[in-house]
Amino acid sequence: MLVYPLFIGTWELILIIVVIVLIFGGKKIPELMKGVGKGVKSFKEGMNEVDEQVNQTDASKPAPKSDETPKAE
């Protein structure tokens, strides 16, 4: 029998939702999701800042002349 450890079926998903509701309560779930959303947004902003810094650093380096081969740093 082949088992897929990351496969979540309908009953497993329902069980997970019920456990979350029992642990956090119905009123806390929107606050929890809001916190998760803020965390994801902050992570994406951080990744964008890193990408901008990398692109800015690459743009500030002079391009190698055509007869020179670029050297690995």
N, C-alpha and C. Protein backbone atom coordinates (compact mmCIF):
# COMPACT_ATOMS: atom_id res chain seq x y z
N MET A 1 0.85 -1.19 0.00
CA MET A 1 0.00 0.00 0.00
C MET A 1 0.88 1.24 0.00
N LEU A 2 0.62 2.15 -0.90
CA LEU A 2 1.38 3.39 -1.03
C LEU A 2 0.70 4.49 -0.21
N VAL A 3 1.46 5.14 0.65
CA VAL A 3 0.90 6.17 1.53
C VAL A 3 1.49 7.52 1.15
N TYR A 4 0.64 8.50 0.99
CA TYR A 4 1.06 9.86 0.71
C TYR A 4 0.95 10.66 2.01
N PRO A 5 2.06 10.99 2.65
CA PRO A 5 2.00 11.64 3.95
C PRO A 5 1.43 13.06 3.91
N LEU A 6 1.51 13.74 2.78
CA LEU A 6 1.02 15.12 2.72
C LEU A 6 -0.40 15.22 2.16
N PHE A 7 -1.00 14.09 1.80
CA PHE A 7 -2.35 14.10 1.27
C PHE A 7 -3.34 14.26 2.42
N ILE A 8 -4.18 15.29 2.33
CA ILE A 8 -5.19 15.51 3.35
C ILE A 8 -6.55 15.33 2.69
N GLY A 9 -7.30 14.36 3.18
CA GLY A 9 -8.62 14.08 2.64
C GLY A 9 -9.67 14.97 3.28
N THR A 10 -10.91 14.78 2.88
CA THR A 10 -12.02 15.59 3.37
C THR A 10 -12.22 15.41 4.87
N TRP A 11 -12.20 14.16 5.34
CA TRP A 11 -12.44 13.91 6.76
C TRP A 11 -11.31 14.45 7.63
N GLU A 12 -10.09 14.34 7.13
CA GLU A 12 -8.96 14.88 7.89
C GLU A 12 -9.06 16.40 8.00
N LEU A 13 -9.44 17.05 6.89
CA LEU A 13 -9.60 18.50 6.90
C LEU A 13 -10.70 18.93 7.86
N ILE A 14 -11.80 18.22 7.86
CA ILE A 14 -12.89 18.54 8.79
C ILE A 14 -12.43 18.37 10.23
N LEU A 15 -11.69 17.30 10.50
CA LEU A 15 -11.18 17.07 11.84
C LEU A 15 -10.22 18.18 12.28
N ILE A 16 -9.35 18.61 11.39
CA ILE A 16 -8.43 19.71 11.71
C ILE A 16 -9.19 20.98 12.03
N ILE A 17 -10.21 21.30 11.24
CA ILE A 17 -11.02 22.51 11.47
C ILE A 17 -11.74 22.43 12.81
N VAL A 18 -12.29 21.27 13.14
CA VAL A 18 -13.00 21.10 14.42
C VAL A 18 -12.03 21.28 15.58
N VAL A 19 -10.85 20.70 15.48
CA VAL A 19 -9.86 20.84 16.55
C VAL A 19 -9.45 22.30 16.72
N ILE A 20 -9.25 23.01 15.62
CA ILE A 20 -8.88 24.44 15.70
C ILE A 20 -9.99 25.24 16.37
N VAL A 21 -11.24 24.97 16.00
CA VAL A 21 -12.37 25.68 16.62
C VAL A 21 -12.44 25.37 18.11
N LEU A 22 -12.21 24.11 18.49
CA LEU A 22 -12.25 23.74 19.91
C LEU A 22 -11.11 24.39 20.70
N ILE A 23 -9.94 24.47 20.11
CA ILE A 23 -8.79 25.03 20.82
C ILE A 23 -8.91 26.55 20.95
N PHE A 24 -9.17 27.22 19.85
CA PHE A 24 -9.14 28.68 19.85
C PHE A 24 -10.51 29.32 20.08
N GLY A 25 -11.56 28.62 19.83
CA GLY A 25 -12.89 29.20 19.96
C GLY A 25 -13.27 29.96 18.70
N GLY A 26 -14.55 30.10 18.47
CA GLY A 26 -15.04 30.76 17.27
C GLY A 26 -14.69 32.23 17.18
N LYS A 27 -14.56 32.89 18.32
CA LYS A 27 -14.28 34.32 18.31
C LYS A 27 -12.80 34.63 18.08
N LYS A 28 -11.93 33.71 18.42
CA LYS A 28 -10.49 33.94 18.28
C LYS A 28 -9.97 33.65 16.88
N ILE A 29 -10.69 32.88 16.10
CA ILE A 29 -10.20 32.48 14.78
C ILE A 29 -9.98 33.67 13.85
N PRO A 30 -10.90 34.65 13.75
CA PRO A 30 -10.61 35.81 12.90
C PRO A 30 -9.35 36.56 13.34
N GLU A 31 -9.14 36.69 14.64
CA GLU A 31 -7.93 37.35 15.12
C GLU A 31 -6.69 36.55 14.75
N LEU A 32 -6.78 35.24 14.84
CA LEU A 32 -5.67 34.37 14.49
C LEU A 32 -5.34 34.49 13.01
N MET A 33 -6.35 34.48 12.16
CA MET A 33 -6.14 34.61 10.71
C MET A 33 -5.57 35.98 10.36
N LYS A 34 -6.01 37.01 11.08
CA LYS A 34 -5.49 38.35 10.85
C LYS A 34 -3.99 38.39 11.17
N GLY A 35 -3.60 37.75 12.26
CA GLY A 35 -2.20 37.69 12.63
C GLY A 35 -1.37 36.92 11.60
N VAL A 36 -1.92 35.82 11.10
CA VAL A 36 -1.23 35.04 10.07
C VAL A 36 -1.08 35.88 8.80
N GLY A 37 -2.11 36.61 8.43
CA GLY A 37 -2.06 37.47 7.25
C GLY A 37 -1.01 38.55 7.38
N LYS A 38 -0.93 39.16 8.56
CA LYS A 38 0.09 40.19 8.79
C LYS A 38 1.50 39.59 8.70
N GLY A 39 1.66 38.38 9.23
CA GLY A 39 2.95 37.72 9.16
C GLY A 39 3.38 37.43 7.73
N VAL A 40 2.44 36.94 6.92
CA VAL A 40 2.73 36.65 5.52
C VAL A 40 3.06 37.94 4.78
N LYS A 41 2.31 39.00 5.05
CA LYS A 41 2.56 40.29 4.39
C LYS A 41 3.94 40.82 4.76
N SER A 42 4.31 40.72 6.03
CA SER A 42 5.61 41.17 6.48
C SER A 42 6.73 40.35 5.82
N PHE A 43 6.53 39.05 5.71
CA PHE A 43 7.52 38.19 5.07
C PHE A 43 7.71 38.58 3.60
N LYS A 44 6.61 38.83 2.89
CA LYS A 44 6.70 39.21 1.48
C LYS A 44 7.40 40.55 1.32
N GLU A 45 7.10 41.51 2.21
CA GLU A 45 7.77 42.81 2.15
C GLU A 45 9.27 42.65 2.38
N GLY A 46 9.65 41.81 3.31
CA GLY A 46 11.06 41.56 3.57
C GLY A 46 11.75 40.94 2.37
N MET A 47 11.08 39.99 1.71
CA MET A 47 11.66 39.37 0.52
C MET A 47 11.81 40.38 -0.61
N ASN A 48 10.83 41.28 -0.76
CA ASN A 48 10.92 42.31 -1.79
C ASN A 48 12.08 43.26 -1.50
N GLU A 49 12.30 43.61 -0.24
CA GLU A 49 13.41 44.48 0.12
C GLU A 49 14.75 43.82 -0.21
N VAL A 50 14.87 42.53 0.07
CA VAL A 50 16.10 41.81 -0.25
C VAL A 50 16.32 41.78 -1.75
N ASP A 51 15.27 41.52 -2.52
CA ASP A 51 15.39 41.51 -3.98
C ASP A 51 15.82 42.87 -4.50
N GLU A 52 15.24 43.95 -3.95
CA GLU A 52 15.61 45.30 -4.38
C GLU A 52 17.07 45.59 -4.07
N GLN A 53 17.53 45.17 -2.90
CA GLN A 53 18.94 45.39 -2.54
C GLN A 53 19.87 44.61 -3.45
N VAL A 54 19.51 43.39 -3.77
CA VAL A 54 20.34 42.58 -4.66
C VAL A 54 20.37 43.21 -6.05
N ASN A 55 19.23 43.62 -6.55
CA ASN A 55 19.18 44.25 -7.87
C ASN A 55 19.93 45.57 -7.89
N GLN A 56 19.84 46.33 -6.80
CA GLN A 56 20.54 47.60 -6.72
C GLN A 56 22.05 47.37 -6.70
N THR A 57 22.51 46.36 -5.99
CA THR A 57 23.92 46.04 -5.93
C THR A 57 24.43 45.57 -7.29
N ASP A 58 23.63 44.76 -7.99
CA ASP A 58 24.03 44.29 -9.32
C ASP A 58 24.08 45.45 -10.31
N ALA A 59 23.17 46.40 -10.19
CA ALA A 59 23.14 47.53 -11.11
C ALA A 59 24.30 48.47 -10.87
N SER A 60 24.81 48.54 -9.65
CA SER A 60 25.89 49.47 -9.35
C SER A 60 27.25 48.94 -9.79
N LYS A 61 27.36 47.63 -10.05
CA LYS A 61 28.62 47.07 -10.54
C LYS A 61 28.77 47.41 -12.01
N PRO A 62 29.98 47.79 -12.42
CA PRO A 62 30.17 48.08 -13.85
C PRO A 62 30.13 46.79 -14.66
N ALA A 63 29.60 46.91 -15.87
CA ALA A 63 29.51 45.74 -16.74
C ALA A 63 30.90 45.39 -17.25
N PRO A 64 31.24 44.11 -17.35
CA PRO A 64 32.57 43.74 -17.86
C PRO A 64 32.69 44.08 -19.33
N LYS A 65 33.92 44.42 -19.74
CA LYS A 65 34.16 44.72 -21.15
C LYS A 65 34.00 43.45 -21.96
N SER A 66 33.72 43.60 -23.25
CA SER A 66 33.43 42.44 -24.08
C SER A 66 34.63 41.51 -24.23
N ASP A 67 35.87 42.02 -24.14
CA ASP A 67 37.03 41.15 -24.30
C ASP A 67 37.44 40.49 -22.99
N GLU A 68 36.83 40.89 -21.87
CA GLU A 68 37.14 40.29 -20.58
C GLU A 68 36.09 39.25 -20.23
N THR A 69 36.52 38.18 -19.61
CA THR A 69 35.58 37.18 -19.15
C THR A 69 35.28 37.48 -17.69
N PRO A 70 34.02 37.40 -17.29
CA PRO A 70 33.68 37.69 -15.89
C PRO A 70 34.27 36.61 -14.98
N LYS A 71 34.79 37.06 -13.84
CA LYS A 71 35.37 36.15 -12.87
C LYS A 71 34.37 35.88 -11.76
N ALA A 72 34.36 34.64 -11.29
CA ALA A 72 33.48 34.29 -10.18
C ALA A 72 34.05 34.84 -8.89
N GLU A 73 33.17 35.45 -8.08
CA GLU A 73 33.63 36.05 -6.83
C GLU A 73 33.37 35.10 -5.69
